[in-house]
Amino acid sequence: MTLLNTTSTQPPPPLNPAKGQIARVEISGFRSFGPTQSLDLPALTLLVGGNGTGKSNFLRFFDMLAWMLKAQKLQEFVLHQGGGADLFFAEEAGAPQIRAELTLRTATGQLAYRFALAPVPAGNTVTVVDEAYCCDRSADAPIWQALPGNGREAELVMAASPPENQECARALVRGLRESRLYQFHDTSPTAALRRGWDETDNARLRSDGANLAPVLLNLLNNDFRCYKEILERIRRVLPSFDDFVLEPQFGSVNLRWQSRHSDKTFVPHLTSDGSLRLFCLVTLLSMPPELLPDLLLIDEPELGLHPYAIELVGGLMTAASNHTQIIAATQSPTLASQVGWENLVVVDQMNGATQLRRLQEADVAHWLEKFRLGELWEMNLLGGNP
């Protein structure tokens, strides 16, 4: 069953001149990342690997970066993650450090930002020990501008703000801070997704999908074409679904829906976990570009979904990558088969450290005549399995 055509190679999304796109990342010392791992990032990257290999840690790194650069909230991120000690690679000899460098491709060239973090054992937190940016990373001899760190937060934010107003720093902050990590894992009876939500919180979908009902109501009222498209896509894998019932009461709105075969209105506690996750994913990946983050991070989108629904989500991810950059982590052979080999990154562990390997055409060309990408991974011909 083909739900969307996902076999063709998608061109990179057009650059937003004001922001650009992350072209490359180098990471060491962060959680399961030991020695430096470097990865080029196209419009769509799908991380595939077994449990505990470090896929989610790669996504969490970009989450940390967003906290650092949005409003200098690195220390708040550390607190949310349970303290600084667990952010560092446990097997590193000597003084542990997190080091990273990111290259941002813009309409005018390649910019870069690098930083290093060290633990502060006394407060179970971290300190910024090195920070610099570069306005022409593609130069033969790139010139790095060192930043005077205050030890607690990213100084790049200050360089991009008055009175400094460094143009290059502003471009880096704009291009690196707008990411959001989505995990629709919590569909328990007490999950926020199953409760009413403030109808005014309706612009962008929250990372756990809690405000799905207000977001859908906003689309219904202001972008009916998009809303109708969401309904049609849900029906492809849930034929009994008819429409959402979105009626605000006392400033809040619940996620309710109707079946084509009954007059009964289904409330959240009568909706299956898989259906709730499907509603979230289809809505997220169908939203207008201006309502999406510049970098969309999705952890295990296949969780609880029927194989046909996974195919649909894979197609929607490929389509959405035409206007926003996407990195997703999966353990689903079905989802792996929905992308091109050039979009797949195999995640392994060696000596306790995460290793990232982007496929080369020579690795898979002869196999793809008979097998799908997901089948090759399942047969352990690509790595990334126990």
Protein backbone atom coordinates (compact mmCIF):
# COMPACT_ATOMS: atom_id res chain seq x y z
CA MET A 1 0.00 0.00 0.00
CA THR A 2 1.52 3.30 -1.10
CA LEU A 3 0.26 6.28 0.85
CA LEU A 4 2.69 8.90 -0.43
CA ASN A 5 5.55 8.67 -2.90
CA THR A 6 8.70 8.68 -0.75
CA THR A 7 11.23 6.98 -3.00
CA SER A 8 12.52 10.00 -4.88
CA THR A 9 15.35 12.14 -3.55
CA GLN A 10 13.99 15.40 -2.19
CA PRO A 11 15.87 18.60 -3.04
CA PRO A 12 17.14 20.65 -0.11
CA PRO A 13 14.65 23.18 1.20
CA PRO A 14 15.04 26.72 -0.10
CA LEU A 15 17.17 28.75 2.25
CA ASN A 16 15.55 31.34 4.43
CA PRO A 17 18.03 34.19 3.87
CA ALA A 18 17.55 35.37 7.44
CA LYS A 19 18.24 31.98 9.00
CA GLY A 20 19.88 29.35 6.79
CA GLN A 21 20.22 25.65 7.52
CA ILE A 22 22.53 23.59 9.73
CA ALA A 23 24.93 21.92 7.32
CA ARG A 24 27.27 20.04 9.65
CA VAL A 25 27.73 19.16 13.31
CA GLU A 26 30.65 17.80 15.34
CA ILE A 27 30.05 16.50 18.87
CA SER A 28 32.21 14.92 21.54
CA GLY A 29 31.75 14.23 25.24
CA PHE A 30 27.95 14.66 25.33
CA ARG A 31 26.22 11.76 27.09
CA SER A 32 27.00 8.67 24.98
CA PHE A 33 29.20 10.62 22.54
CA GLY A 34 32.86 9.98 23.31
CA PRO A 35 35.40 10.73 20.56
CA THR A 36 34.33 13.36 18.04
CA GLN A 37 31.52 12.36 15.70
CA SER A 38 30.98 14.49 12.58
CA LEU A 39 27.86 14.46 10.44
CA ASP A 40 26.68 16.40 7.41
CA LEU A 41 23.00 17.31 7.70
CA PRO A 42 20.77 17.52 4.61
CA ALA A 43 17.11 18.53 4.71
CA LEU A 44 16.07 15.15 6.16
CA THR A 45 18.10 12.84 8.38
CA LEU A 46 16.72 9.59 9.80
CA LEU A 47 18.77 7.98 12.58
CA VAL A 48 18.33 4.22 12.77
CA GLY A 49 19.83 1.98 15.44
CA GLY A 50 19.15 -0.31 18.37
CA ASN A 51 18.22 0.53 21.94
CA GLY A 52 20.79 2.57 23.83
CA THR A 53 22.97 3.43 20.84
CA GLY A 54 22.59 7.20 21.31
CA LYS A 55 19.92 8.27 18.81
CA SER A 56 17.92 10.20 21.39
CA ASN A 57 21.11 11.77 22.75
CA PHE A 58 21.83 13.23 19.32
CA LEU A 59 18.38 14.84 19.29
CA ARG A 60 18.80 16.03 22.88
CA PHE A 61 22.02 17.83 21.92
CA PHE A 62 20.08 20.14 19.60
CA ASP A 63 17.50 20.60 22.33
CA MET A 64 20.29 21.78 24.63
CA LEU A 65 21.54 24.15 21.93
CA ALA A 66 18.09 25.73 21.65
CA TRP A 67 17.97 26.31 25.42
CA MET A 68 21.46 27.86 25.27
CA LEU A 69 20.69 30.32 22.49
CA LYS A 70 17.02 31.24 22.86
CA ALA A 71 17.32 33.09 26.14
CA GLN A 72 20.57 31.94 27.76
CA LYS A 73 18.89 29.09 29.63
CA LEU A 74 21.68 26.52 29.67
CA GLN A 75 21.53 26.23 33.45
CA GLU A 76 17.76 25.72 33.30
CA PHE A 77 18.26 22.93 30.75
CA VAL A 78 20.82 21.29 33.04
CA LEU A 79 18.34 21.46 35.92
CA HIS A 80 15.58 19.88 33.79
CA GLN A 81 17.97 17.06 32.86
CA GLY A 82 18.69 16.21 36.48
CA GLY A 83 22.03 17.99 36.86
CA GLY A 84 25.27 18.41 34.98
CA ALA A 85 27.00 15.14 35.83
CA ASP A 86 24.82 13.02 33.54
CA LEU A 87 25.44 15.24 30.51
CA PHE A 88 29.06 14.10 30.15
CA PHE A 89 30.46 10.95 28.57
CA ALA A 90 31.06 8.58 31.46
CA GLU A 91 34.03 6.72 29.98
CA GLU A 92 36.21 9.75 29.25
CA ALA A 93 39.59 9.72 30.97
CA GLY A 94 40.77 12.89 32.67
CA ALA A 95 38.65 16.03 32.92
CA PRO A 96 35.44 15.50 30.91
CA GLN A 97 34.27 18.13 28.44
CA ILE A 98 31.46 18.52 25.95
CA ARG A 99 32.75 20.00 22.71
CA ALA A 100 30.74 20.91 19.64
CA GLU A 101 31.02 22.80 16.39
CA LEU A 102 28.10 23.62 14.09
CA THR A 103 28.24 24.97 10.55
CA LEU A 104 25.33 27.06 9.31
CA ARG A 105 24.79 27.31 5.55
CA THR A 106 23.29 30.68 4.63
CA ALA A 107 22.56 32.51 1.39
CA THR A 108 25.81 34.46 1.81
CA GLY A 109 28.16 31.68 2.94
CA GLN A 110 29.01 29.31 5.77
CA LEU A 111 29.05 30.50 9.38
CA ALA A 112 30.18 28.42 12.34
CA TYR A 113 29.85 28.30 16.12
CA ARG A 114 31.81 26.22 18.59
CA PHE A 115 31.69 25.81 22.34
CA ALA A 116 32.97 23.65 25.17
CA LEU A 117 31.31 22.84 28.49
CA ALA A 118 32.93 21.47 31.64
CA PRO A 119 31.30 20.08 34.79
CA VAL A 120 31.10 21.99 38.06
CA PRO A 121 30.90 19.16 40.62
CA ALA A 122 30.10 21.40 43.58
CA GLY A 123 26.81 22.55 42.08
CA ASN A 124 26.17 19.57 39.80
CA THR A 125 26.02 22.00 36.90
CA VAL A 126 28.21 23.09 33.96
CA THR A 127 30.34 26.00 32.89
CA VAL A 128 31.19 27.38 29.44
CA VAL A 129 34.98 27.13 29.12
CA ASP A 130 35.43 27.97 25.43
CA GLU A 131 33.22 29.76 22.89
CA ALA A 132 33.89 31.27 19.47
CA TYR A 133 32.25 31.97 16.13
CA CYS A 134 33.45 32.19 12.54
CA CYS A 135 31.97 34.29 9.73
CA ASP A 136 33.49 32.29 6.86
CA ARG A 137 33.96 28.61 7.71
CA SER A 138 34.72 27.72 4.07
CA ALA A 139 37.81 29.96 3.93
CA ASP A 140 41.21 28.32 3.55
CA ALA A 141 42.20 29.74 6.94
CA PRO A 142 38.98 30.41 8.90
CA ILE A 143 39.21 33.23 11.42
CA TRP A 144 37.53 32.52 14.76
CA GLN A 145 36.27 35.31 17.00
CA ALA A 146 36.68 34.25 20.63
CA LEU A 147 33.90 35.22 23.03
CA PRO A 148 34.49 36.33 26.63
CA GLY A 149 32.51 33.75 28.55
CA ASN A 150 30.82 34.44 31.85
CA GLY A 151 31.05 30.78 32.73
CA ARG A 152 27.33 30.07 33.01
CA GLU A 153 25.63 30.92 29.72
CA ALA A 154 26.33 31.23 25.99
CA GLU A 155 27.99 34.57 25.27
CA LEU A 156 27.00 34.35 21.58
CA VAL A 157 23.55 35.62 22.58
CA MET A 158 25.12 38.78 24.02
CA ALA A 159 27.26 39.32 20.90
CA ALA A 160 24.07 39.17 18.83
CA SER A 161 22.23 41.68 21.05
CA PRO A 162 22.61 45.43 21.64
CA PRO A 163 24.99 47.15 22.01
CA GLU A 164 27.33 44.71 20.19
CA ASN A 165 24.85 43.69 17.44
CA GLN A 166 27.41 41.60 15.58
CA GLU A 167 25.72 40.68 12.28
CA CYS A 168 27.43 37.29 12.03
CA ALA A 169 26.53 36.43 15.63
CA ARG A 170 22.91 37.43 15.01
CA ALA A 171 22.72 35.16 11.98
CA LEU A 172 24.11 32.24 13.99
CA VAL A 173 21.70 32.75 16.87
CA ARG A 174 18.74 33.01 14.48
CA GLY A 175 19.82 29.90 12.59
CA LEU A 176 20.70 27.65 15.53
CA ARG A 177 18.15 28.40 18.24
CA GLU A 178 14.85 27.55 16.52
CA SER A 179 14.63 23.80 17.03
CA ARG A 180 12.04 21.78 18.92
CA LEU A 181 12.13 18.15 20.05
CA TYR A 182 8.81 16.32 19.72
CA GLN A 183 8.04 13.18 21.70
CA PHE A 184 4.45 11.99 21.70
CA HIS A 185 5.22 9.12 24.06
CA ASP A 186 3.00 10.06 26.99
CA THR A 187 -0.56 9.05 26.17
CA SER A 188 -1.29 7.77 29.67
CA PRO A 189 -4.70 8.48 31.30
CA THR A 190 -3.25 11.57 33.00
CA ALA A 191 -1.34 12.89 29.96
CA ALA A 192 -1.88 16.56 29.10
CA LEU A 193 -2.97 15.49 25.61
CA ARG A 194 -6.07 13.86 27.11
CA ARG A 195 -7.11 16.97 29.06
CA GLY A 196 -8.64 20.28 28.05
CA TRP A 197 -6.15 23.00 27.10
CA ASP A 198 -6.15 26.80 26.97
CA GLU A 199 -7.72 27.72 23.62
CA THR A 200 -5.38 30.71 23.20
CA ASP A 201 -2.27 28.47 23.21
CA ASN A 202 -2.82 27.66 19.56
CA ALA A 203 0.05 28.90 17.38
CA ARG A 204 2.66 26.13 17.52
CA LEU A 205 2.25 22.55 18.65
CA ARG A 206 3.86 21.86 22.01
CA SER A 207 6.59 19.24 22.22
CA ASP A 208 4.28 16.69 23.86
CA GLY A 209 1.21 17.58 21.78
CA ALA A 210 -0.64 18.92 24.83
CA ASN A 211 -2.24 21.80 22.89
CA LEU A 212 -3.27 19.74 19.85
CA ALA A 213 -6.96 20.68 20.21
CA PRO A 214 -6.35 24.47 20.29
CA VAL A 215 -3.93 24.18 17.35
CA LEU A 216 -6.51 22.28 15.30
CA LEU A 217 -9.20 24.80 16.24
CA ASN A 218 -6.94 27.63 15.09
CA LEU A 219 -6.36 25.89 11.74
CA LEU A 220 -10.09 25.22 11.37
CA ASN A 221 -10.84 28.92 11.83
CA ASN A 222 -7.90 30.44 9.97
CA ASP A 223 -6.47 27.89 7.51
CA PHE A 224 -9.27 25.57 6.47
CA ARG A 225 -7.30 24.18 3.52
CA CYS A 226 -4.62 22.90 5.91
CA TYR A 227 -7.23 21.60 8.36
CA LYS A 228 -9.04 19.70 5.59
CA GLU A 229 -5.75 18.18 4.44
CA ILE A 230 -5.10 16.91 7.97
CA LEU A 231 -8.51 15.22 8.04
CA GLU A 232 -7.93 13.57 4.65
CA ARG A 233 -4.53 12.25 5.69
CA ILE A 234 -5.85 10.79 8.93
CA ARG A 235 -8.63 9.01 7.01
CA ARG A 236 -6.06 7.25 4.83
CA VAL A 237 -5.07 5.06 7.76
CA LEU A 238 -8.13 5.51 10.00
CA PRO A 239 -11.05 5.17 7.54
CA SER A 240 -13.69 5.38 10.29
CA PHE A 241 -12.52 8.87 11.28
CA ASP A 242 -14.82 11.68 10.16
CA ASP A 243 -13.91 14.98 11.82
CA PHE A 244 -12.74 16.61 15.02
CA VAL A 245 -15.27 18.19 17.37
CA LEU A 246 -13.57 21.31 18.73
CA GLU A 247 -15.85 23.33 20.98
CA PRO A 248 -14.29 25.74 23.50
CA GLN A 249 -15.80 25.76 26.97
CA PHE A 250 -14.77 28.30 29.61
CA GLY A 251 -11.59 29.16 27.69
CA SER A 252 -10.44 25.57 27.17
CA VAL A 253 -10.91 23.05 24.39
CA ASN A 254 -10.83 19.24 24.46
CA LEU A 255 -9.70 16.90 21.70
CA ARG A 256 -12.89 15.15 20.58
CA TRP A 257 -13.78 13.48 17.29
CA GLN A 258 -16.57 11.70 15.47
CA SER A 259 -16.69 8.43 13.57
CA ARG A 260 -18.29 8.06 10.15
CA HIS A 261 -20.26 5.07 11.41
CA SER A 262 -21.77 6.50 14.59
CA ASP A 263 -23.25 9.64 16.07
CA LYS A 264 -21.12 9.10 19.17
CA THR A 265 -18.47 11.70 19.94
CA PHE A 266 -15.21 10.15 21.11
CA VAL A 267 -13.48 11.92 23.98
CA PRO A 268 -9.75 11.60 24.70
CA HIS A 269 -10.05 8.77 27.25
CA LEU A 270 -11.91 6.69 24.64
CA THR A 271 -9.22 7.28 22.02
CA SER A 272 -6.40 4.75 21.57
CA ASP A 273 -2.78 5.70 22.22
CA GLY A 274 -1.90 5.06 18.58
CA SER A 275 -4.71 7.27 17.30
CA LEU A 276 -3.65 10.15 19.56
CA ARG A 277 -0.06 9.89 18.33
CA LEU A 278 -1.28 9.72 14.73
CA PHE A 279 -3.34 12.89 15.23
CA CYS A 280 -0.27 14.68 16.64
CA LEU A 281 2.14 13.56 13.92
CA VAL A 282 -0.17 14.25 10.99
CA THR A 283 -1.00 17.70 12.37
CA LEU A 284 2.64 18.57 13.04
CA LEU A 285 3.88 17.47 9.61
CA SER A 286 0.99 19.15 7.77
CA MET A 287 1.27 22.58 9.38
CA PRO A 288 2.17 25.68 7.34
CA PRO A 289 5.95 26.32 7.20
CA GLU A 290 5.67 29.53 9.22
CA LEU A 291 4.25 27.55 12.16
CA LEU A 292 7.11 25.04 12.22
CA PRO A 293 10.52 25.39 13.87
CA ASP A 294 13.55 25.70 11.59
CA LEU A 295 14.80 22.33 12.85
CA LEU A 296 12.20 19.69 13.63
CA LEU A 297 13.39 16.86 15.92
CA ILE A 298 11.16 13.79 16.30
CA ASP A 299 11.95 10.87 18.60
CA GLU A 300 10.51 7.46 17.60
CA PRO A 301 7.53 8.69 15.56
CA GLU A 302 6.57 5.07 14.83
CA LEU A 303 5.63 4.34 18.45
CA GLY A 304 2.22 2.62 18.61
CA LEU A 305 1.43 3.12 14.90
CA HIS A 306 0.16 0.59 12.36
CA PRO A 307 2.66 -0.07 9.51
CA TYR A 308 0.41 1.83 7.06
CA ALA A 309 0.40 4.80 9.42
CA ILE A 310 4.20 4.62 9.64
CA GLU A 311 4.36 4.76 5.83
CA LEU A 312 2.14 7.84 5.88
CA VAL A 313 4.31 9.55 8.50
CA GLY A 314 7.44 8.77 6.49
CA GLY A 315 5.93 10.37 3.42
CA LEU A 316 4.84 13.43 5.38
CA MET A 317 8.33 13.82 6.85
CA THR A 318 9.84 13.74 3.36
CA ALA A 319 7.34 16.31 2.10
CA ALA A 320 7.79 18.59 5.14
CA SER A 321 11.58 18.53 4.67
CA ASN A 322 11.04 20.70 1.59
CA HIS A 323 10.43 23.67 3.87
CA THR A 324 11.98 22.76 7.25
CA GLN A 325 14.97 20.68 8.31
CA ILE A 326 14.08 17.39 10.02
CA ILE A 327 16.07 14.94 12.14
CA ALA A 328 14.20 11.89 13.42
CA ALA A 329 15.25 8.79 15.36
CA THR A 330 13.66 5.40 14.77
CA GLN A 331 13.83 1.66 15.33
CA SER A 332 11.27 0.95 12.61
CA PRO A 333 12.32 -0.89 9.42
CA THR A 334 9.10 0.36 7.83
CA LEU A 335 10.00 4.00 8.48
CA ALA A 336 13.59 3.42 7.31
CA SER A 337 12.19 2.21 3.99
CA GLN A 338 10.37 5.50 3.42
CA VAL A 339 13.53 7.59 2.91
CA GLY A 340 16.38 7.49 0.44
CA TRP A 341 19.69 5.87 1.36
CA GLU A 342 21.28 9.33 1.43
CA ASN A 343 18.95 10.34 4.29
CA LEU A 344 19.72 7.35 6.53
CA VAL A 345 22.32 7.46 9.32
CA VAL A 346 23.22 4.21 11.07
CA VAL A 347 23.84 4.61 14.80
CA ASP A 348 26.06 2.05 16.57
CA GLN A 349 28.07 1.83 19.76
CA MET A 350 31.73 0.89 20.01
CA ASN A 351 33.46 0.64 23.39
CA GLY A 352 30.46 2.35 24.96
CA ALA A 353 30.53 5.37 22.64
CA THR A 354 28.03 6.37 19.96
CA GLN A 355 29.16 6.17 16.35
CA LEU A 356 27.31 7.81 13.46
CA ARG A 357 27.68 6.49 9.91
CA ARG A 358 25.95 7.94 6.89
CA LEU A 359 25.39 5.40 4.14
CA GLN A 360 27.31 5.51 0.88
CA GLU A 361 25.72 4.51 -2.41
CA ALA A 362 28.24 1.70 -2.82
CA ASP A 363 27.01 0.18 0.46
CA VAL A 364 23.46 -0.33 -0.74
CA ALA A 365 23.11 0.07 -4.52
CA HIS A 366 23.33 -3.65 -5.37
CA TRP A 367 21.07 -4.61 -2.45
CA LEU A 368 18.32 -2.13 -3.28
CA GLU A 369 17.53 -4.01 -6.47
CA LYS A 370 15.96 -6.72 -4.30
CA PHE A 371 15.38 -5.26 -0.84
CA ARG A 372 14.05 -2.13 0.82
CA LEU A 373 16.30 -0.08 3.11
CA GLY A 374 14.45 -1.21 6.22
CA GLU A 375 14.86 -4.85 5.23
CA LEU A 376 18.62 -4.35 4.82
CA TRP A 377 18.82 -2.86 8.30
CA GLU A 378 16.67 -5.64 9.74
CA MET A 379 19.00 -8.24 8.18
CA ASN A 380 21.93 -6.42 9.85
CA LEU A 381 23.56 -5.64 6.50
CA LEU A 382 23.85 -1.95 7.40
CA GLY A 383 24.85 -2.22 11.06
CA GLY A 384 22.98 -0.46 13.83
CA ASN A 385 21.65 -3.69 15.34
CA PRO A 386 22.64 -5.59 18.50
